[in-house]
Amino acid sequence: MTLRWSETAALDLEVIYDYIALDKPAAAAATIEKIIQTAERLEQYPSLGRAGRRNDTRELVHPPFVIVYRVMQDVIDIQAVFHGNRKYV
């Protein structure tokens, strides 16, 4: 399976990086790298996450972040990445 990041998800990563980098640039880079590595596990295990809050989605938790994705035929489509304390509907 192939991993594909939506524009929204890519922007989410950028916002997360920018927020953390205000105080700790090295930690920001490490956090983004860990989120990406966690998402890449979906290529081998697409059902790894739990059922999502929206229809036809799944959520993979990398505390404190949640990776929202859809499993399509040969593609894992990453829809969003958000902090678990943020309301996502």
N, C-alpha and C. Protein backbone atom coordinates (compact mmCIF):
# COMPACT_ATOMS: atom_id res chain seq x y z
N MET A 1 0.84 -1.19 0.00
CA MET A 1 0.00 0.00 0.00
C MET A 1 0.88 1.25 0.00
N THR A 2 0.34 2.30 -0.54
CA THR A 2 1.05 3.56 -0.63
C THR A 2 0.44 4.57 0.33
N LEU A 3 1.26 5.35 0.97
CA LEU A 3 0.81 6.40 1.89
C LEU A 3 0.73 7.71 1.12
N ARG A 4 -0.41 8.38 1.25
CA ARG A 4 -0.59 9.68 0.58
C ARG A 4 -1.08 10.70 1.61
N TRP A 5 -0.41 11.83 1.69
CA TRP A 5 -0.77 12.89 2.63
C TRP A 5 -1.61 13.93 1.90
N SER A 6 -2.80 14.22 2.41
CA SER A 6 -3.63 15.27 1.83
C SER A 6 -2.98 16.63 2.12
N GLU A 7 -3.43 17.64 1.39
CA GLU A 7 -2.92 18.99 1.64
C GLU A 7 -3.24 19.42 3.06
N THR A 8 -4.42 19.06 3.53
CA THR A 8 -4.84 19.41 4.89
C THR A 8 -3.91 18.78 5.91
N ALA A 9 -3.61 17.50 5.74
CA ALA A 9 -2.72 16.80 6.69
C ALA A 9 -1.31 17.40 6.65
N ALA A 10 -0.82 17.73 5.47
CA ALA A 10 0.51 18.34 5.35
C ALA A 10 0.53 19.70 6.05
N LEU A 11 -0.54 20.45 5.91
CA LEU A 11 -0.64 21.74 6.59
C LEU A 11 -0.72 21.54 8.10
N ASP A 12 -1.44 20.51 8.54
CA ASP A 12 -1.50 20.20 9.97
C ASP A 12 -0.11 19.96 10.53
N LEU A 13 0.71 19.20 9.81
CA LEU A 13 2.08 18.94 10.27
C LEU A 13 2.88 20.24 10.37
N GLU A 14 2.68 21.10 9.40
CA GLU A 14 3.39 22.39 9.40
C GLU A 14 2.99 23.23 10.60
N VAL A 15 1.70 23.27 10.90
CA VAL A 15 1.21 24.04 12.04
C VAL A 15 1.75 23.46 13.35
N ILE A 16 1.73 22.13 13.47
CA ILE A 16 2.27 21.49 14.67
C ILE A 16 3.75 21.83 14.83
N TYR A 17 4.50 21.72 13.73
CA TYR A 17 5.93 22.04 13.77
C TYR A 17 6.15 23.49 14.22
N ASP A 18 5.44 24.42 13.58
CA ASP A 18 5.62 25.83 13.89
C ASP A 18 5.32 26.14 15.35
N TYR A 19 4.28 25.52 15.89
CA TYR A 19 3.91 25.77 17.28
C TYR A 19 4.99 25.27 18.24
N ILE A 20 5.44 24.07 18.04
CA ILE A 20 6.47 23.50 18.92
C ILE A 20 7.80 24.23 18.75
N ALA A 21 8.11 24.61 17.51
CA ALA A 21 9.39 25.25 17.21
C ALA A 21 9.54 26.63 17.84
N LEU A 22 8.42 27.24 18.26
CA LEU A 22 8.52 28.53 18.93
C LEU A 22 9.43 28.45 20.15
N ASP A 23 9.37 27.31 20.84
CA ASP A 23 10.20 27.14 22.04
C ASP A 23 11.33 26.15 21.85
N LYS A 24 11.07 25.10 21.04
CA LYS A 24 12.05 24.02 20.91
C LYS A 24 12.13 23.50 19.48
N PRO A 25 12.92 24.12 18.64
CA PRO A 25 13.02 23.71 17.24
C PRO A 25 13.43 22.24 17.05
N ALA A 26 14.37 21.77 17.84
CA ALA A 26 14.81 20.37 17.69
C ALA A 26 13.69 19.42 18.05
N ALA A 27 12.94 19.75 19.08
CA ALA A 27 11.81 18.91 19.49
C ALA A 27 10.73 18.92 18.42
N ALA A 28 10.55 20.05 17.75
CA ALA A 28 9.54 20.15 16.69
C ALA A 28 9.88 19.19 15.55
N ALA A 29 11.12 19.18 15.14
CA ALA A 29 11.55 18.29 14.05
C ALA A 29 11.39 16.83 14.47
N ALA A 30 11.76 16.50 15.69
CA ALA A 30 11.65 15.13 16.19
C ALA A 30 10.19 14.69 16.27
N THR A 31 9.32 15.59 16.69
CA THR A 31 7.89 15.27 16.79
C THR A 31 7.31 14.96 15.42
N ILE A 32 7.61 15.78 14.45
CA ILE A 32 7.09 15.55 13.09
C ILE A 32 7.62 14.24 12.54
N GLU A 33 8.89 13.97 12.76
CA GLU A 33 9.49 12.72 12.28
C GLU A 33 8.79 11.51 12.91
N LYS A 34 8.49 11.59 14.19
CA LYS A 34 7.82 10.48 14.86
C LYS A 34 6.39 10.29 14.35
N ILE A 35 5.69 11.38 14.08
CA ILE A 35 4.33 11.28 13.53
C ILE A 35 4.39 10.60 12.17
N ILE A 36 5.34 11.01 11.33
CA ILE A 36 5.49 10.42 10.00
C ILE A 36 5.83 8.94 10.10
N GLN A 37 6.75 8.58 10.98
CA GLN A 37 7.12 7.18 11.16
C GLN A 37 5.92 6.35 11.62
N THR A 38 5.12 6.90 12.51
CA THR A 38 3.93 6.20 12.97
C THR A 38 2.97 5.98 11.81
N ALA A 39 2.75 7.00 11.02
CA ALA A 39 1.85 6.88 9.86
C ALA A 39 2.37 5.85 8.86
N GLU A 40 3.68 5.79 8.68
CA GLU A 40 4.26 4.84 7.72
C GLU A 40 4.01 3.39 8.11
N ARG A 41 3.74 3.13 9.37
CA ARG A 41 3.41 1.76 9.80
C ARG A 41 2.11 1.29 9.14
N LEU A 42 1.26 2.24 8.74
CA LEU A 42 -0.01 1.89 8.11
C LEU A 42 0.17 1.21 6.76
N GLU A 43 1.31 1.43 6.11
CA GLU A 43 1.57 0.79 4.83
C GLU A 43 1.54 -0.73 4.96
N GLN A 44 2.01 -1.24 6.07
CA GLN A 44 2.00 -2.69 6.30
C GLN A 44 0.78 -3.14 7.09
N TYR A 45 0.25 -2.25 7.94
CA TYR A 45 -0.87 -2.61 8.82
C TYR A 45 -1.98 -1.56 8.71
N PRO A 46 -2.72 -1.53 7.61
CA PRO A 46 -3.71 -0.47 7.40
C PRO A 46 -4.85 -0.44 8.42
N SER A 47 -5.10 -1.54 9.10
CA SER A 47 -6.17 -1.57 10.09
C SER A 47 -5.66 -1.32 11.50
N LEU A 48 -4.46 -0.81 11.61
CA LEU A 48 -3.81 -0.61 12.91
C LEU A 48 -4.61 0.32 13.82
N GLY A 49 -5.19 1.35 13.27
CA GLY A 49 -5.91 2.33 14.08
C GLY A 49 -7.32 1.88 14.44
N ARG A 50 -7.98 2.73 15.20
CA ARG A 50 -9.37 2.47 15.62
C ARG A 50 -10.34 3.06 14.60
N ALA A 51 -11.61 2.68 14.72
CA ALA A 51 -12.65 3.27 13.87
C ALA A 51 -12.68 4.77 14.12
N GLY A 52 -12.81 5.53 13.04
CA GLY A 52 -12.79 6.99 13.15
C GLY A 52 -14.12 7.59 13.55
N ARG A 53 -14.09 8.87 13.87
CA ARG A 53 -15.30 9.60 14.26
C ARG A 53 -16.14 9.97 13.05
N ARG A 54 -15.52 10.03 11.90
CA ARG A 54 -16.24 10.29 10.64
C ARG A 54 -16.38 8.97 9.88
N ASN A 55 -17.43 8.88 9.09
CA ASN A 55 -17.66 7.66 8.30
C ASN A 55 -16.46 7.34 7.42
N ASP A 56 -16.17 6.06 7.32
CA ASP A 56 -15.11 5.55 6.45
C ASP A 56 -13.71 6.04 6.80
N THR A 57 -13.50 6.44 8.05
CA THR A 57 -12.14 6.84 8.46
C THR A 57 -11.68 5.96 9.61
N ARG A 58 -10.39 6.01 9.81
CA ARG A 58 -9.77 5.33 10.95
C ARG A 58 -8.86 6.36 11.61
N GLU A 59 -8.50 6.12 12.86
CA GLU A 59 -7.64 7.03 13.61
C GLU A 59 -6.52 6.24 14.27
N LEU A 60 -5.32 6.68 14.02
CA LEU A 60 -4.15 6.09 14.64
C LEU A 60 -3.60 7.10 15.65
N VAL A 61 -3.51 6.69 16.89
CA VAL A 61 -3.08 7.59 17.95
C VAL A 61 -1.58 7.48 18.16
N HIS A 62 -0.93 8.63 18.12
CA HIS A 62 0.48 8.77 18.50
C HIS A 62 0.48 9.90 19.54
N PRO A 63 0.29 9.53 20.82
CA PRO A 63 0.04 10.54 21.86
C PRO A 63 1.02 11.69 21.80
N PRO A 64 0.52 12.91 21.90
CA PRO A 64 -0.87 13.31 22.07
C PRO A 64 -1.60 13.57 20.75
N PHE A 65 -1.05 13.09 19.64
CA PHE A 65 -1.63 13.39 18.33
C PHE A 65 -2.46 12.23 17.79
N VAL A 66 -3.42 12.59 16.94
CA VAL A 66 -4.29 11.62 16.28
C VAL A 66 -4.12 11.79 14.78
N ILE A 67 -3.87 10.69 14.09
CA ILE A 67 -3.71 10.69 12.63
C ILE A 67 -4.99 10.10 12.06
N VAL A 68 -5.72 10.90 11.28
CA VAL A 68 -6.97 10.45 10.68
C VAL A 68 -6.67 10.02 9.25
N TYR A 69 -7.16 8.82 8.89
CA TYR A 69 -6.86 8.30 7.55
C TYR A 69 -8.01 7.47 7.00
N ARG A 70 -7.96 7.26 5.70
CA ARG A 70 -8.90 6.39 4.99
C ARG A 70 -8.10 5.33 4.27
N VAL A 71 -8.63 4.12 4.31
CA VAL A 71 -8.01 3.02 3.57
C VAL A 71 -8.78 2.88 2.26
N MET A 72 -8.07 3.05 1.16
CA MET A 72 -8.66 2.87 -0.15
C MET A 72 -8.00 1.64 -0.77
N GLN A 73 -8.27 1.37 -2.01
CA GLN A 73 -7.78 0.13 -2.60
C GLN A 73 -6.30 -0.12 -2.36
N ASP A 74 -5.44 0.71 -2.89
CA ASP A 74 -4.00 0.53 -2.72
C ASP A 74 -3.35 1.73 -2.04
N VAL A 75 -4.19 2.58 -1.44
CA VAL A 75 -3.69 3.84 -0.88
C VAL A 75 -4.21 4.04 0.54
N ILE A 76 -3.32 4.49 1.39
CA ILE A 76 -3.70 4.97 2.72
C ILE A 76 -3.69 6.50 2.59
N ASP A 77 -4.85 7.12 2.70
CA ASP A 77 -4.98 8.56 2.52
C ASP A 77 -5.03 9.23 3.89
N ILE A 78 -3.95 9.92 4.25
CA ILE A 78 -3.91 10.63 5.52
C ILE A 78 -4.71 11.91 5.35
N GLN A 79 -5.78 12.04 6.14
CA GLN A 79 -6.71 13.17 6.01
C GLN A 79 -6.36 14.35 6.90
N ALA A 80 -5.90 14.06 8.13
CA ALA A 80 -5.63 15.12 9.10
C ALA A 80 -4.74 14.59 10.21
N VAL A 81 -4.08 15.51 10.89
CA VAL A 81 -3.32 15.20 12.10
C VAL A 81 -3.66 16.32 13.10
N PHE A 82 -4.10 15.93 14.29
CA PHE A 82 -4.46 16.94 15.26
C PHE A 82 -4.09 16.50 16.67
N HIS A 83 -3.98 17.49 17.54
CA HIS A 83 -3.70 17.23 18.96
C HIS A 83 -4.94 16.61 19.57
N GLY A 84 -4.77 15.58 20.38
CA GLY A 84 -5.89 14.86 20.95
C GLY A 84 -6.82 15.70 21.81
N ASN A 85 -6.36 16.84 22.31
CA ASN A 85 -7.21 17.73 23.10
C ASN A 85 -8.08 18.63 22.23
N ARG A 86 -7.78 18.67 20.94
CA ARG A 86 -8.54 19.51 20.03
C ARG A 86 -9.81 18.80 19.60
N LYS A 87 -10.89 19.53 19.49
CA LYS A 87 -12.17 18.94 19.07
C LYS A 87 -12.11 18.68 17.56
N TYR A 88 -12.42 17.47 17.18
CA TYR A 88 -12.40 17.08 15.77
C TYR A 88 -13.70 16.35 15.48
N VAL A 89 -14.52 16.93 14.62
CA VAL A 89 -15.80 16.28 14.27
C VAL A 89 -15.93 16.12 12.78
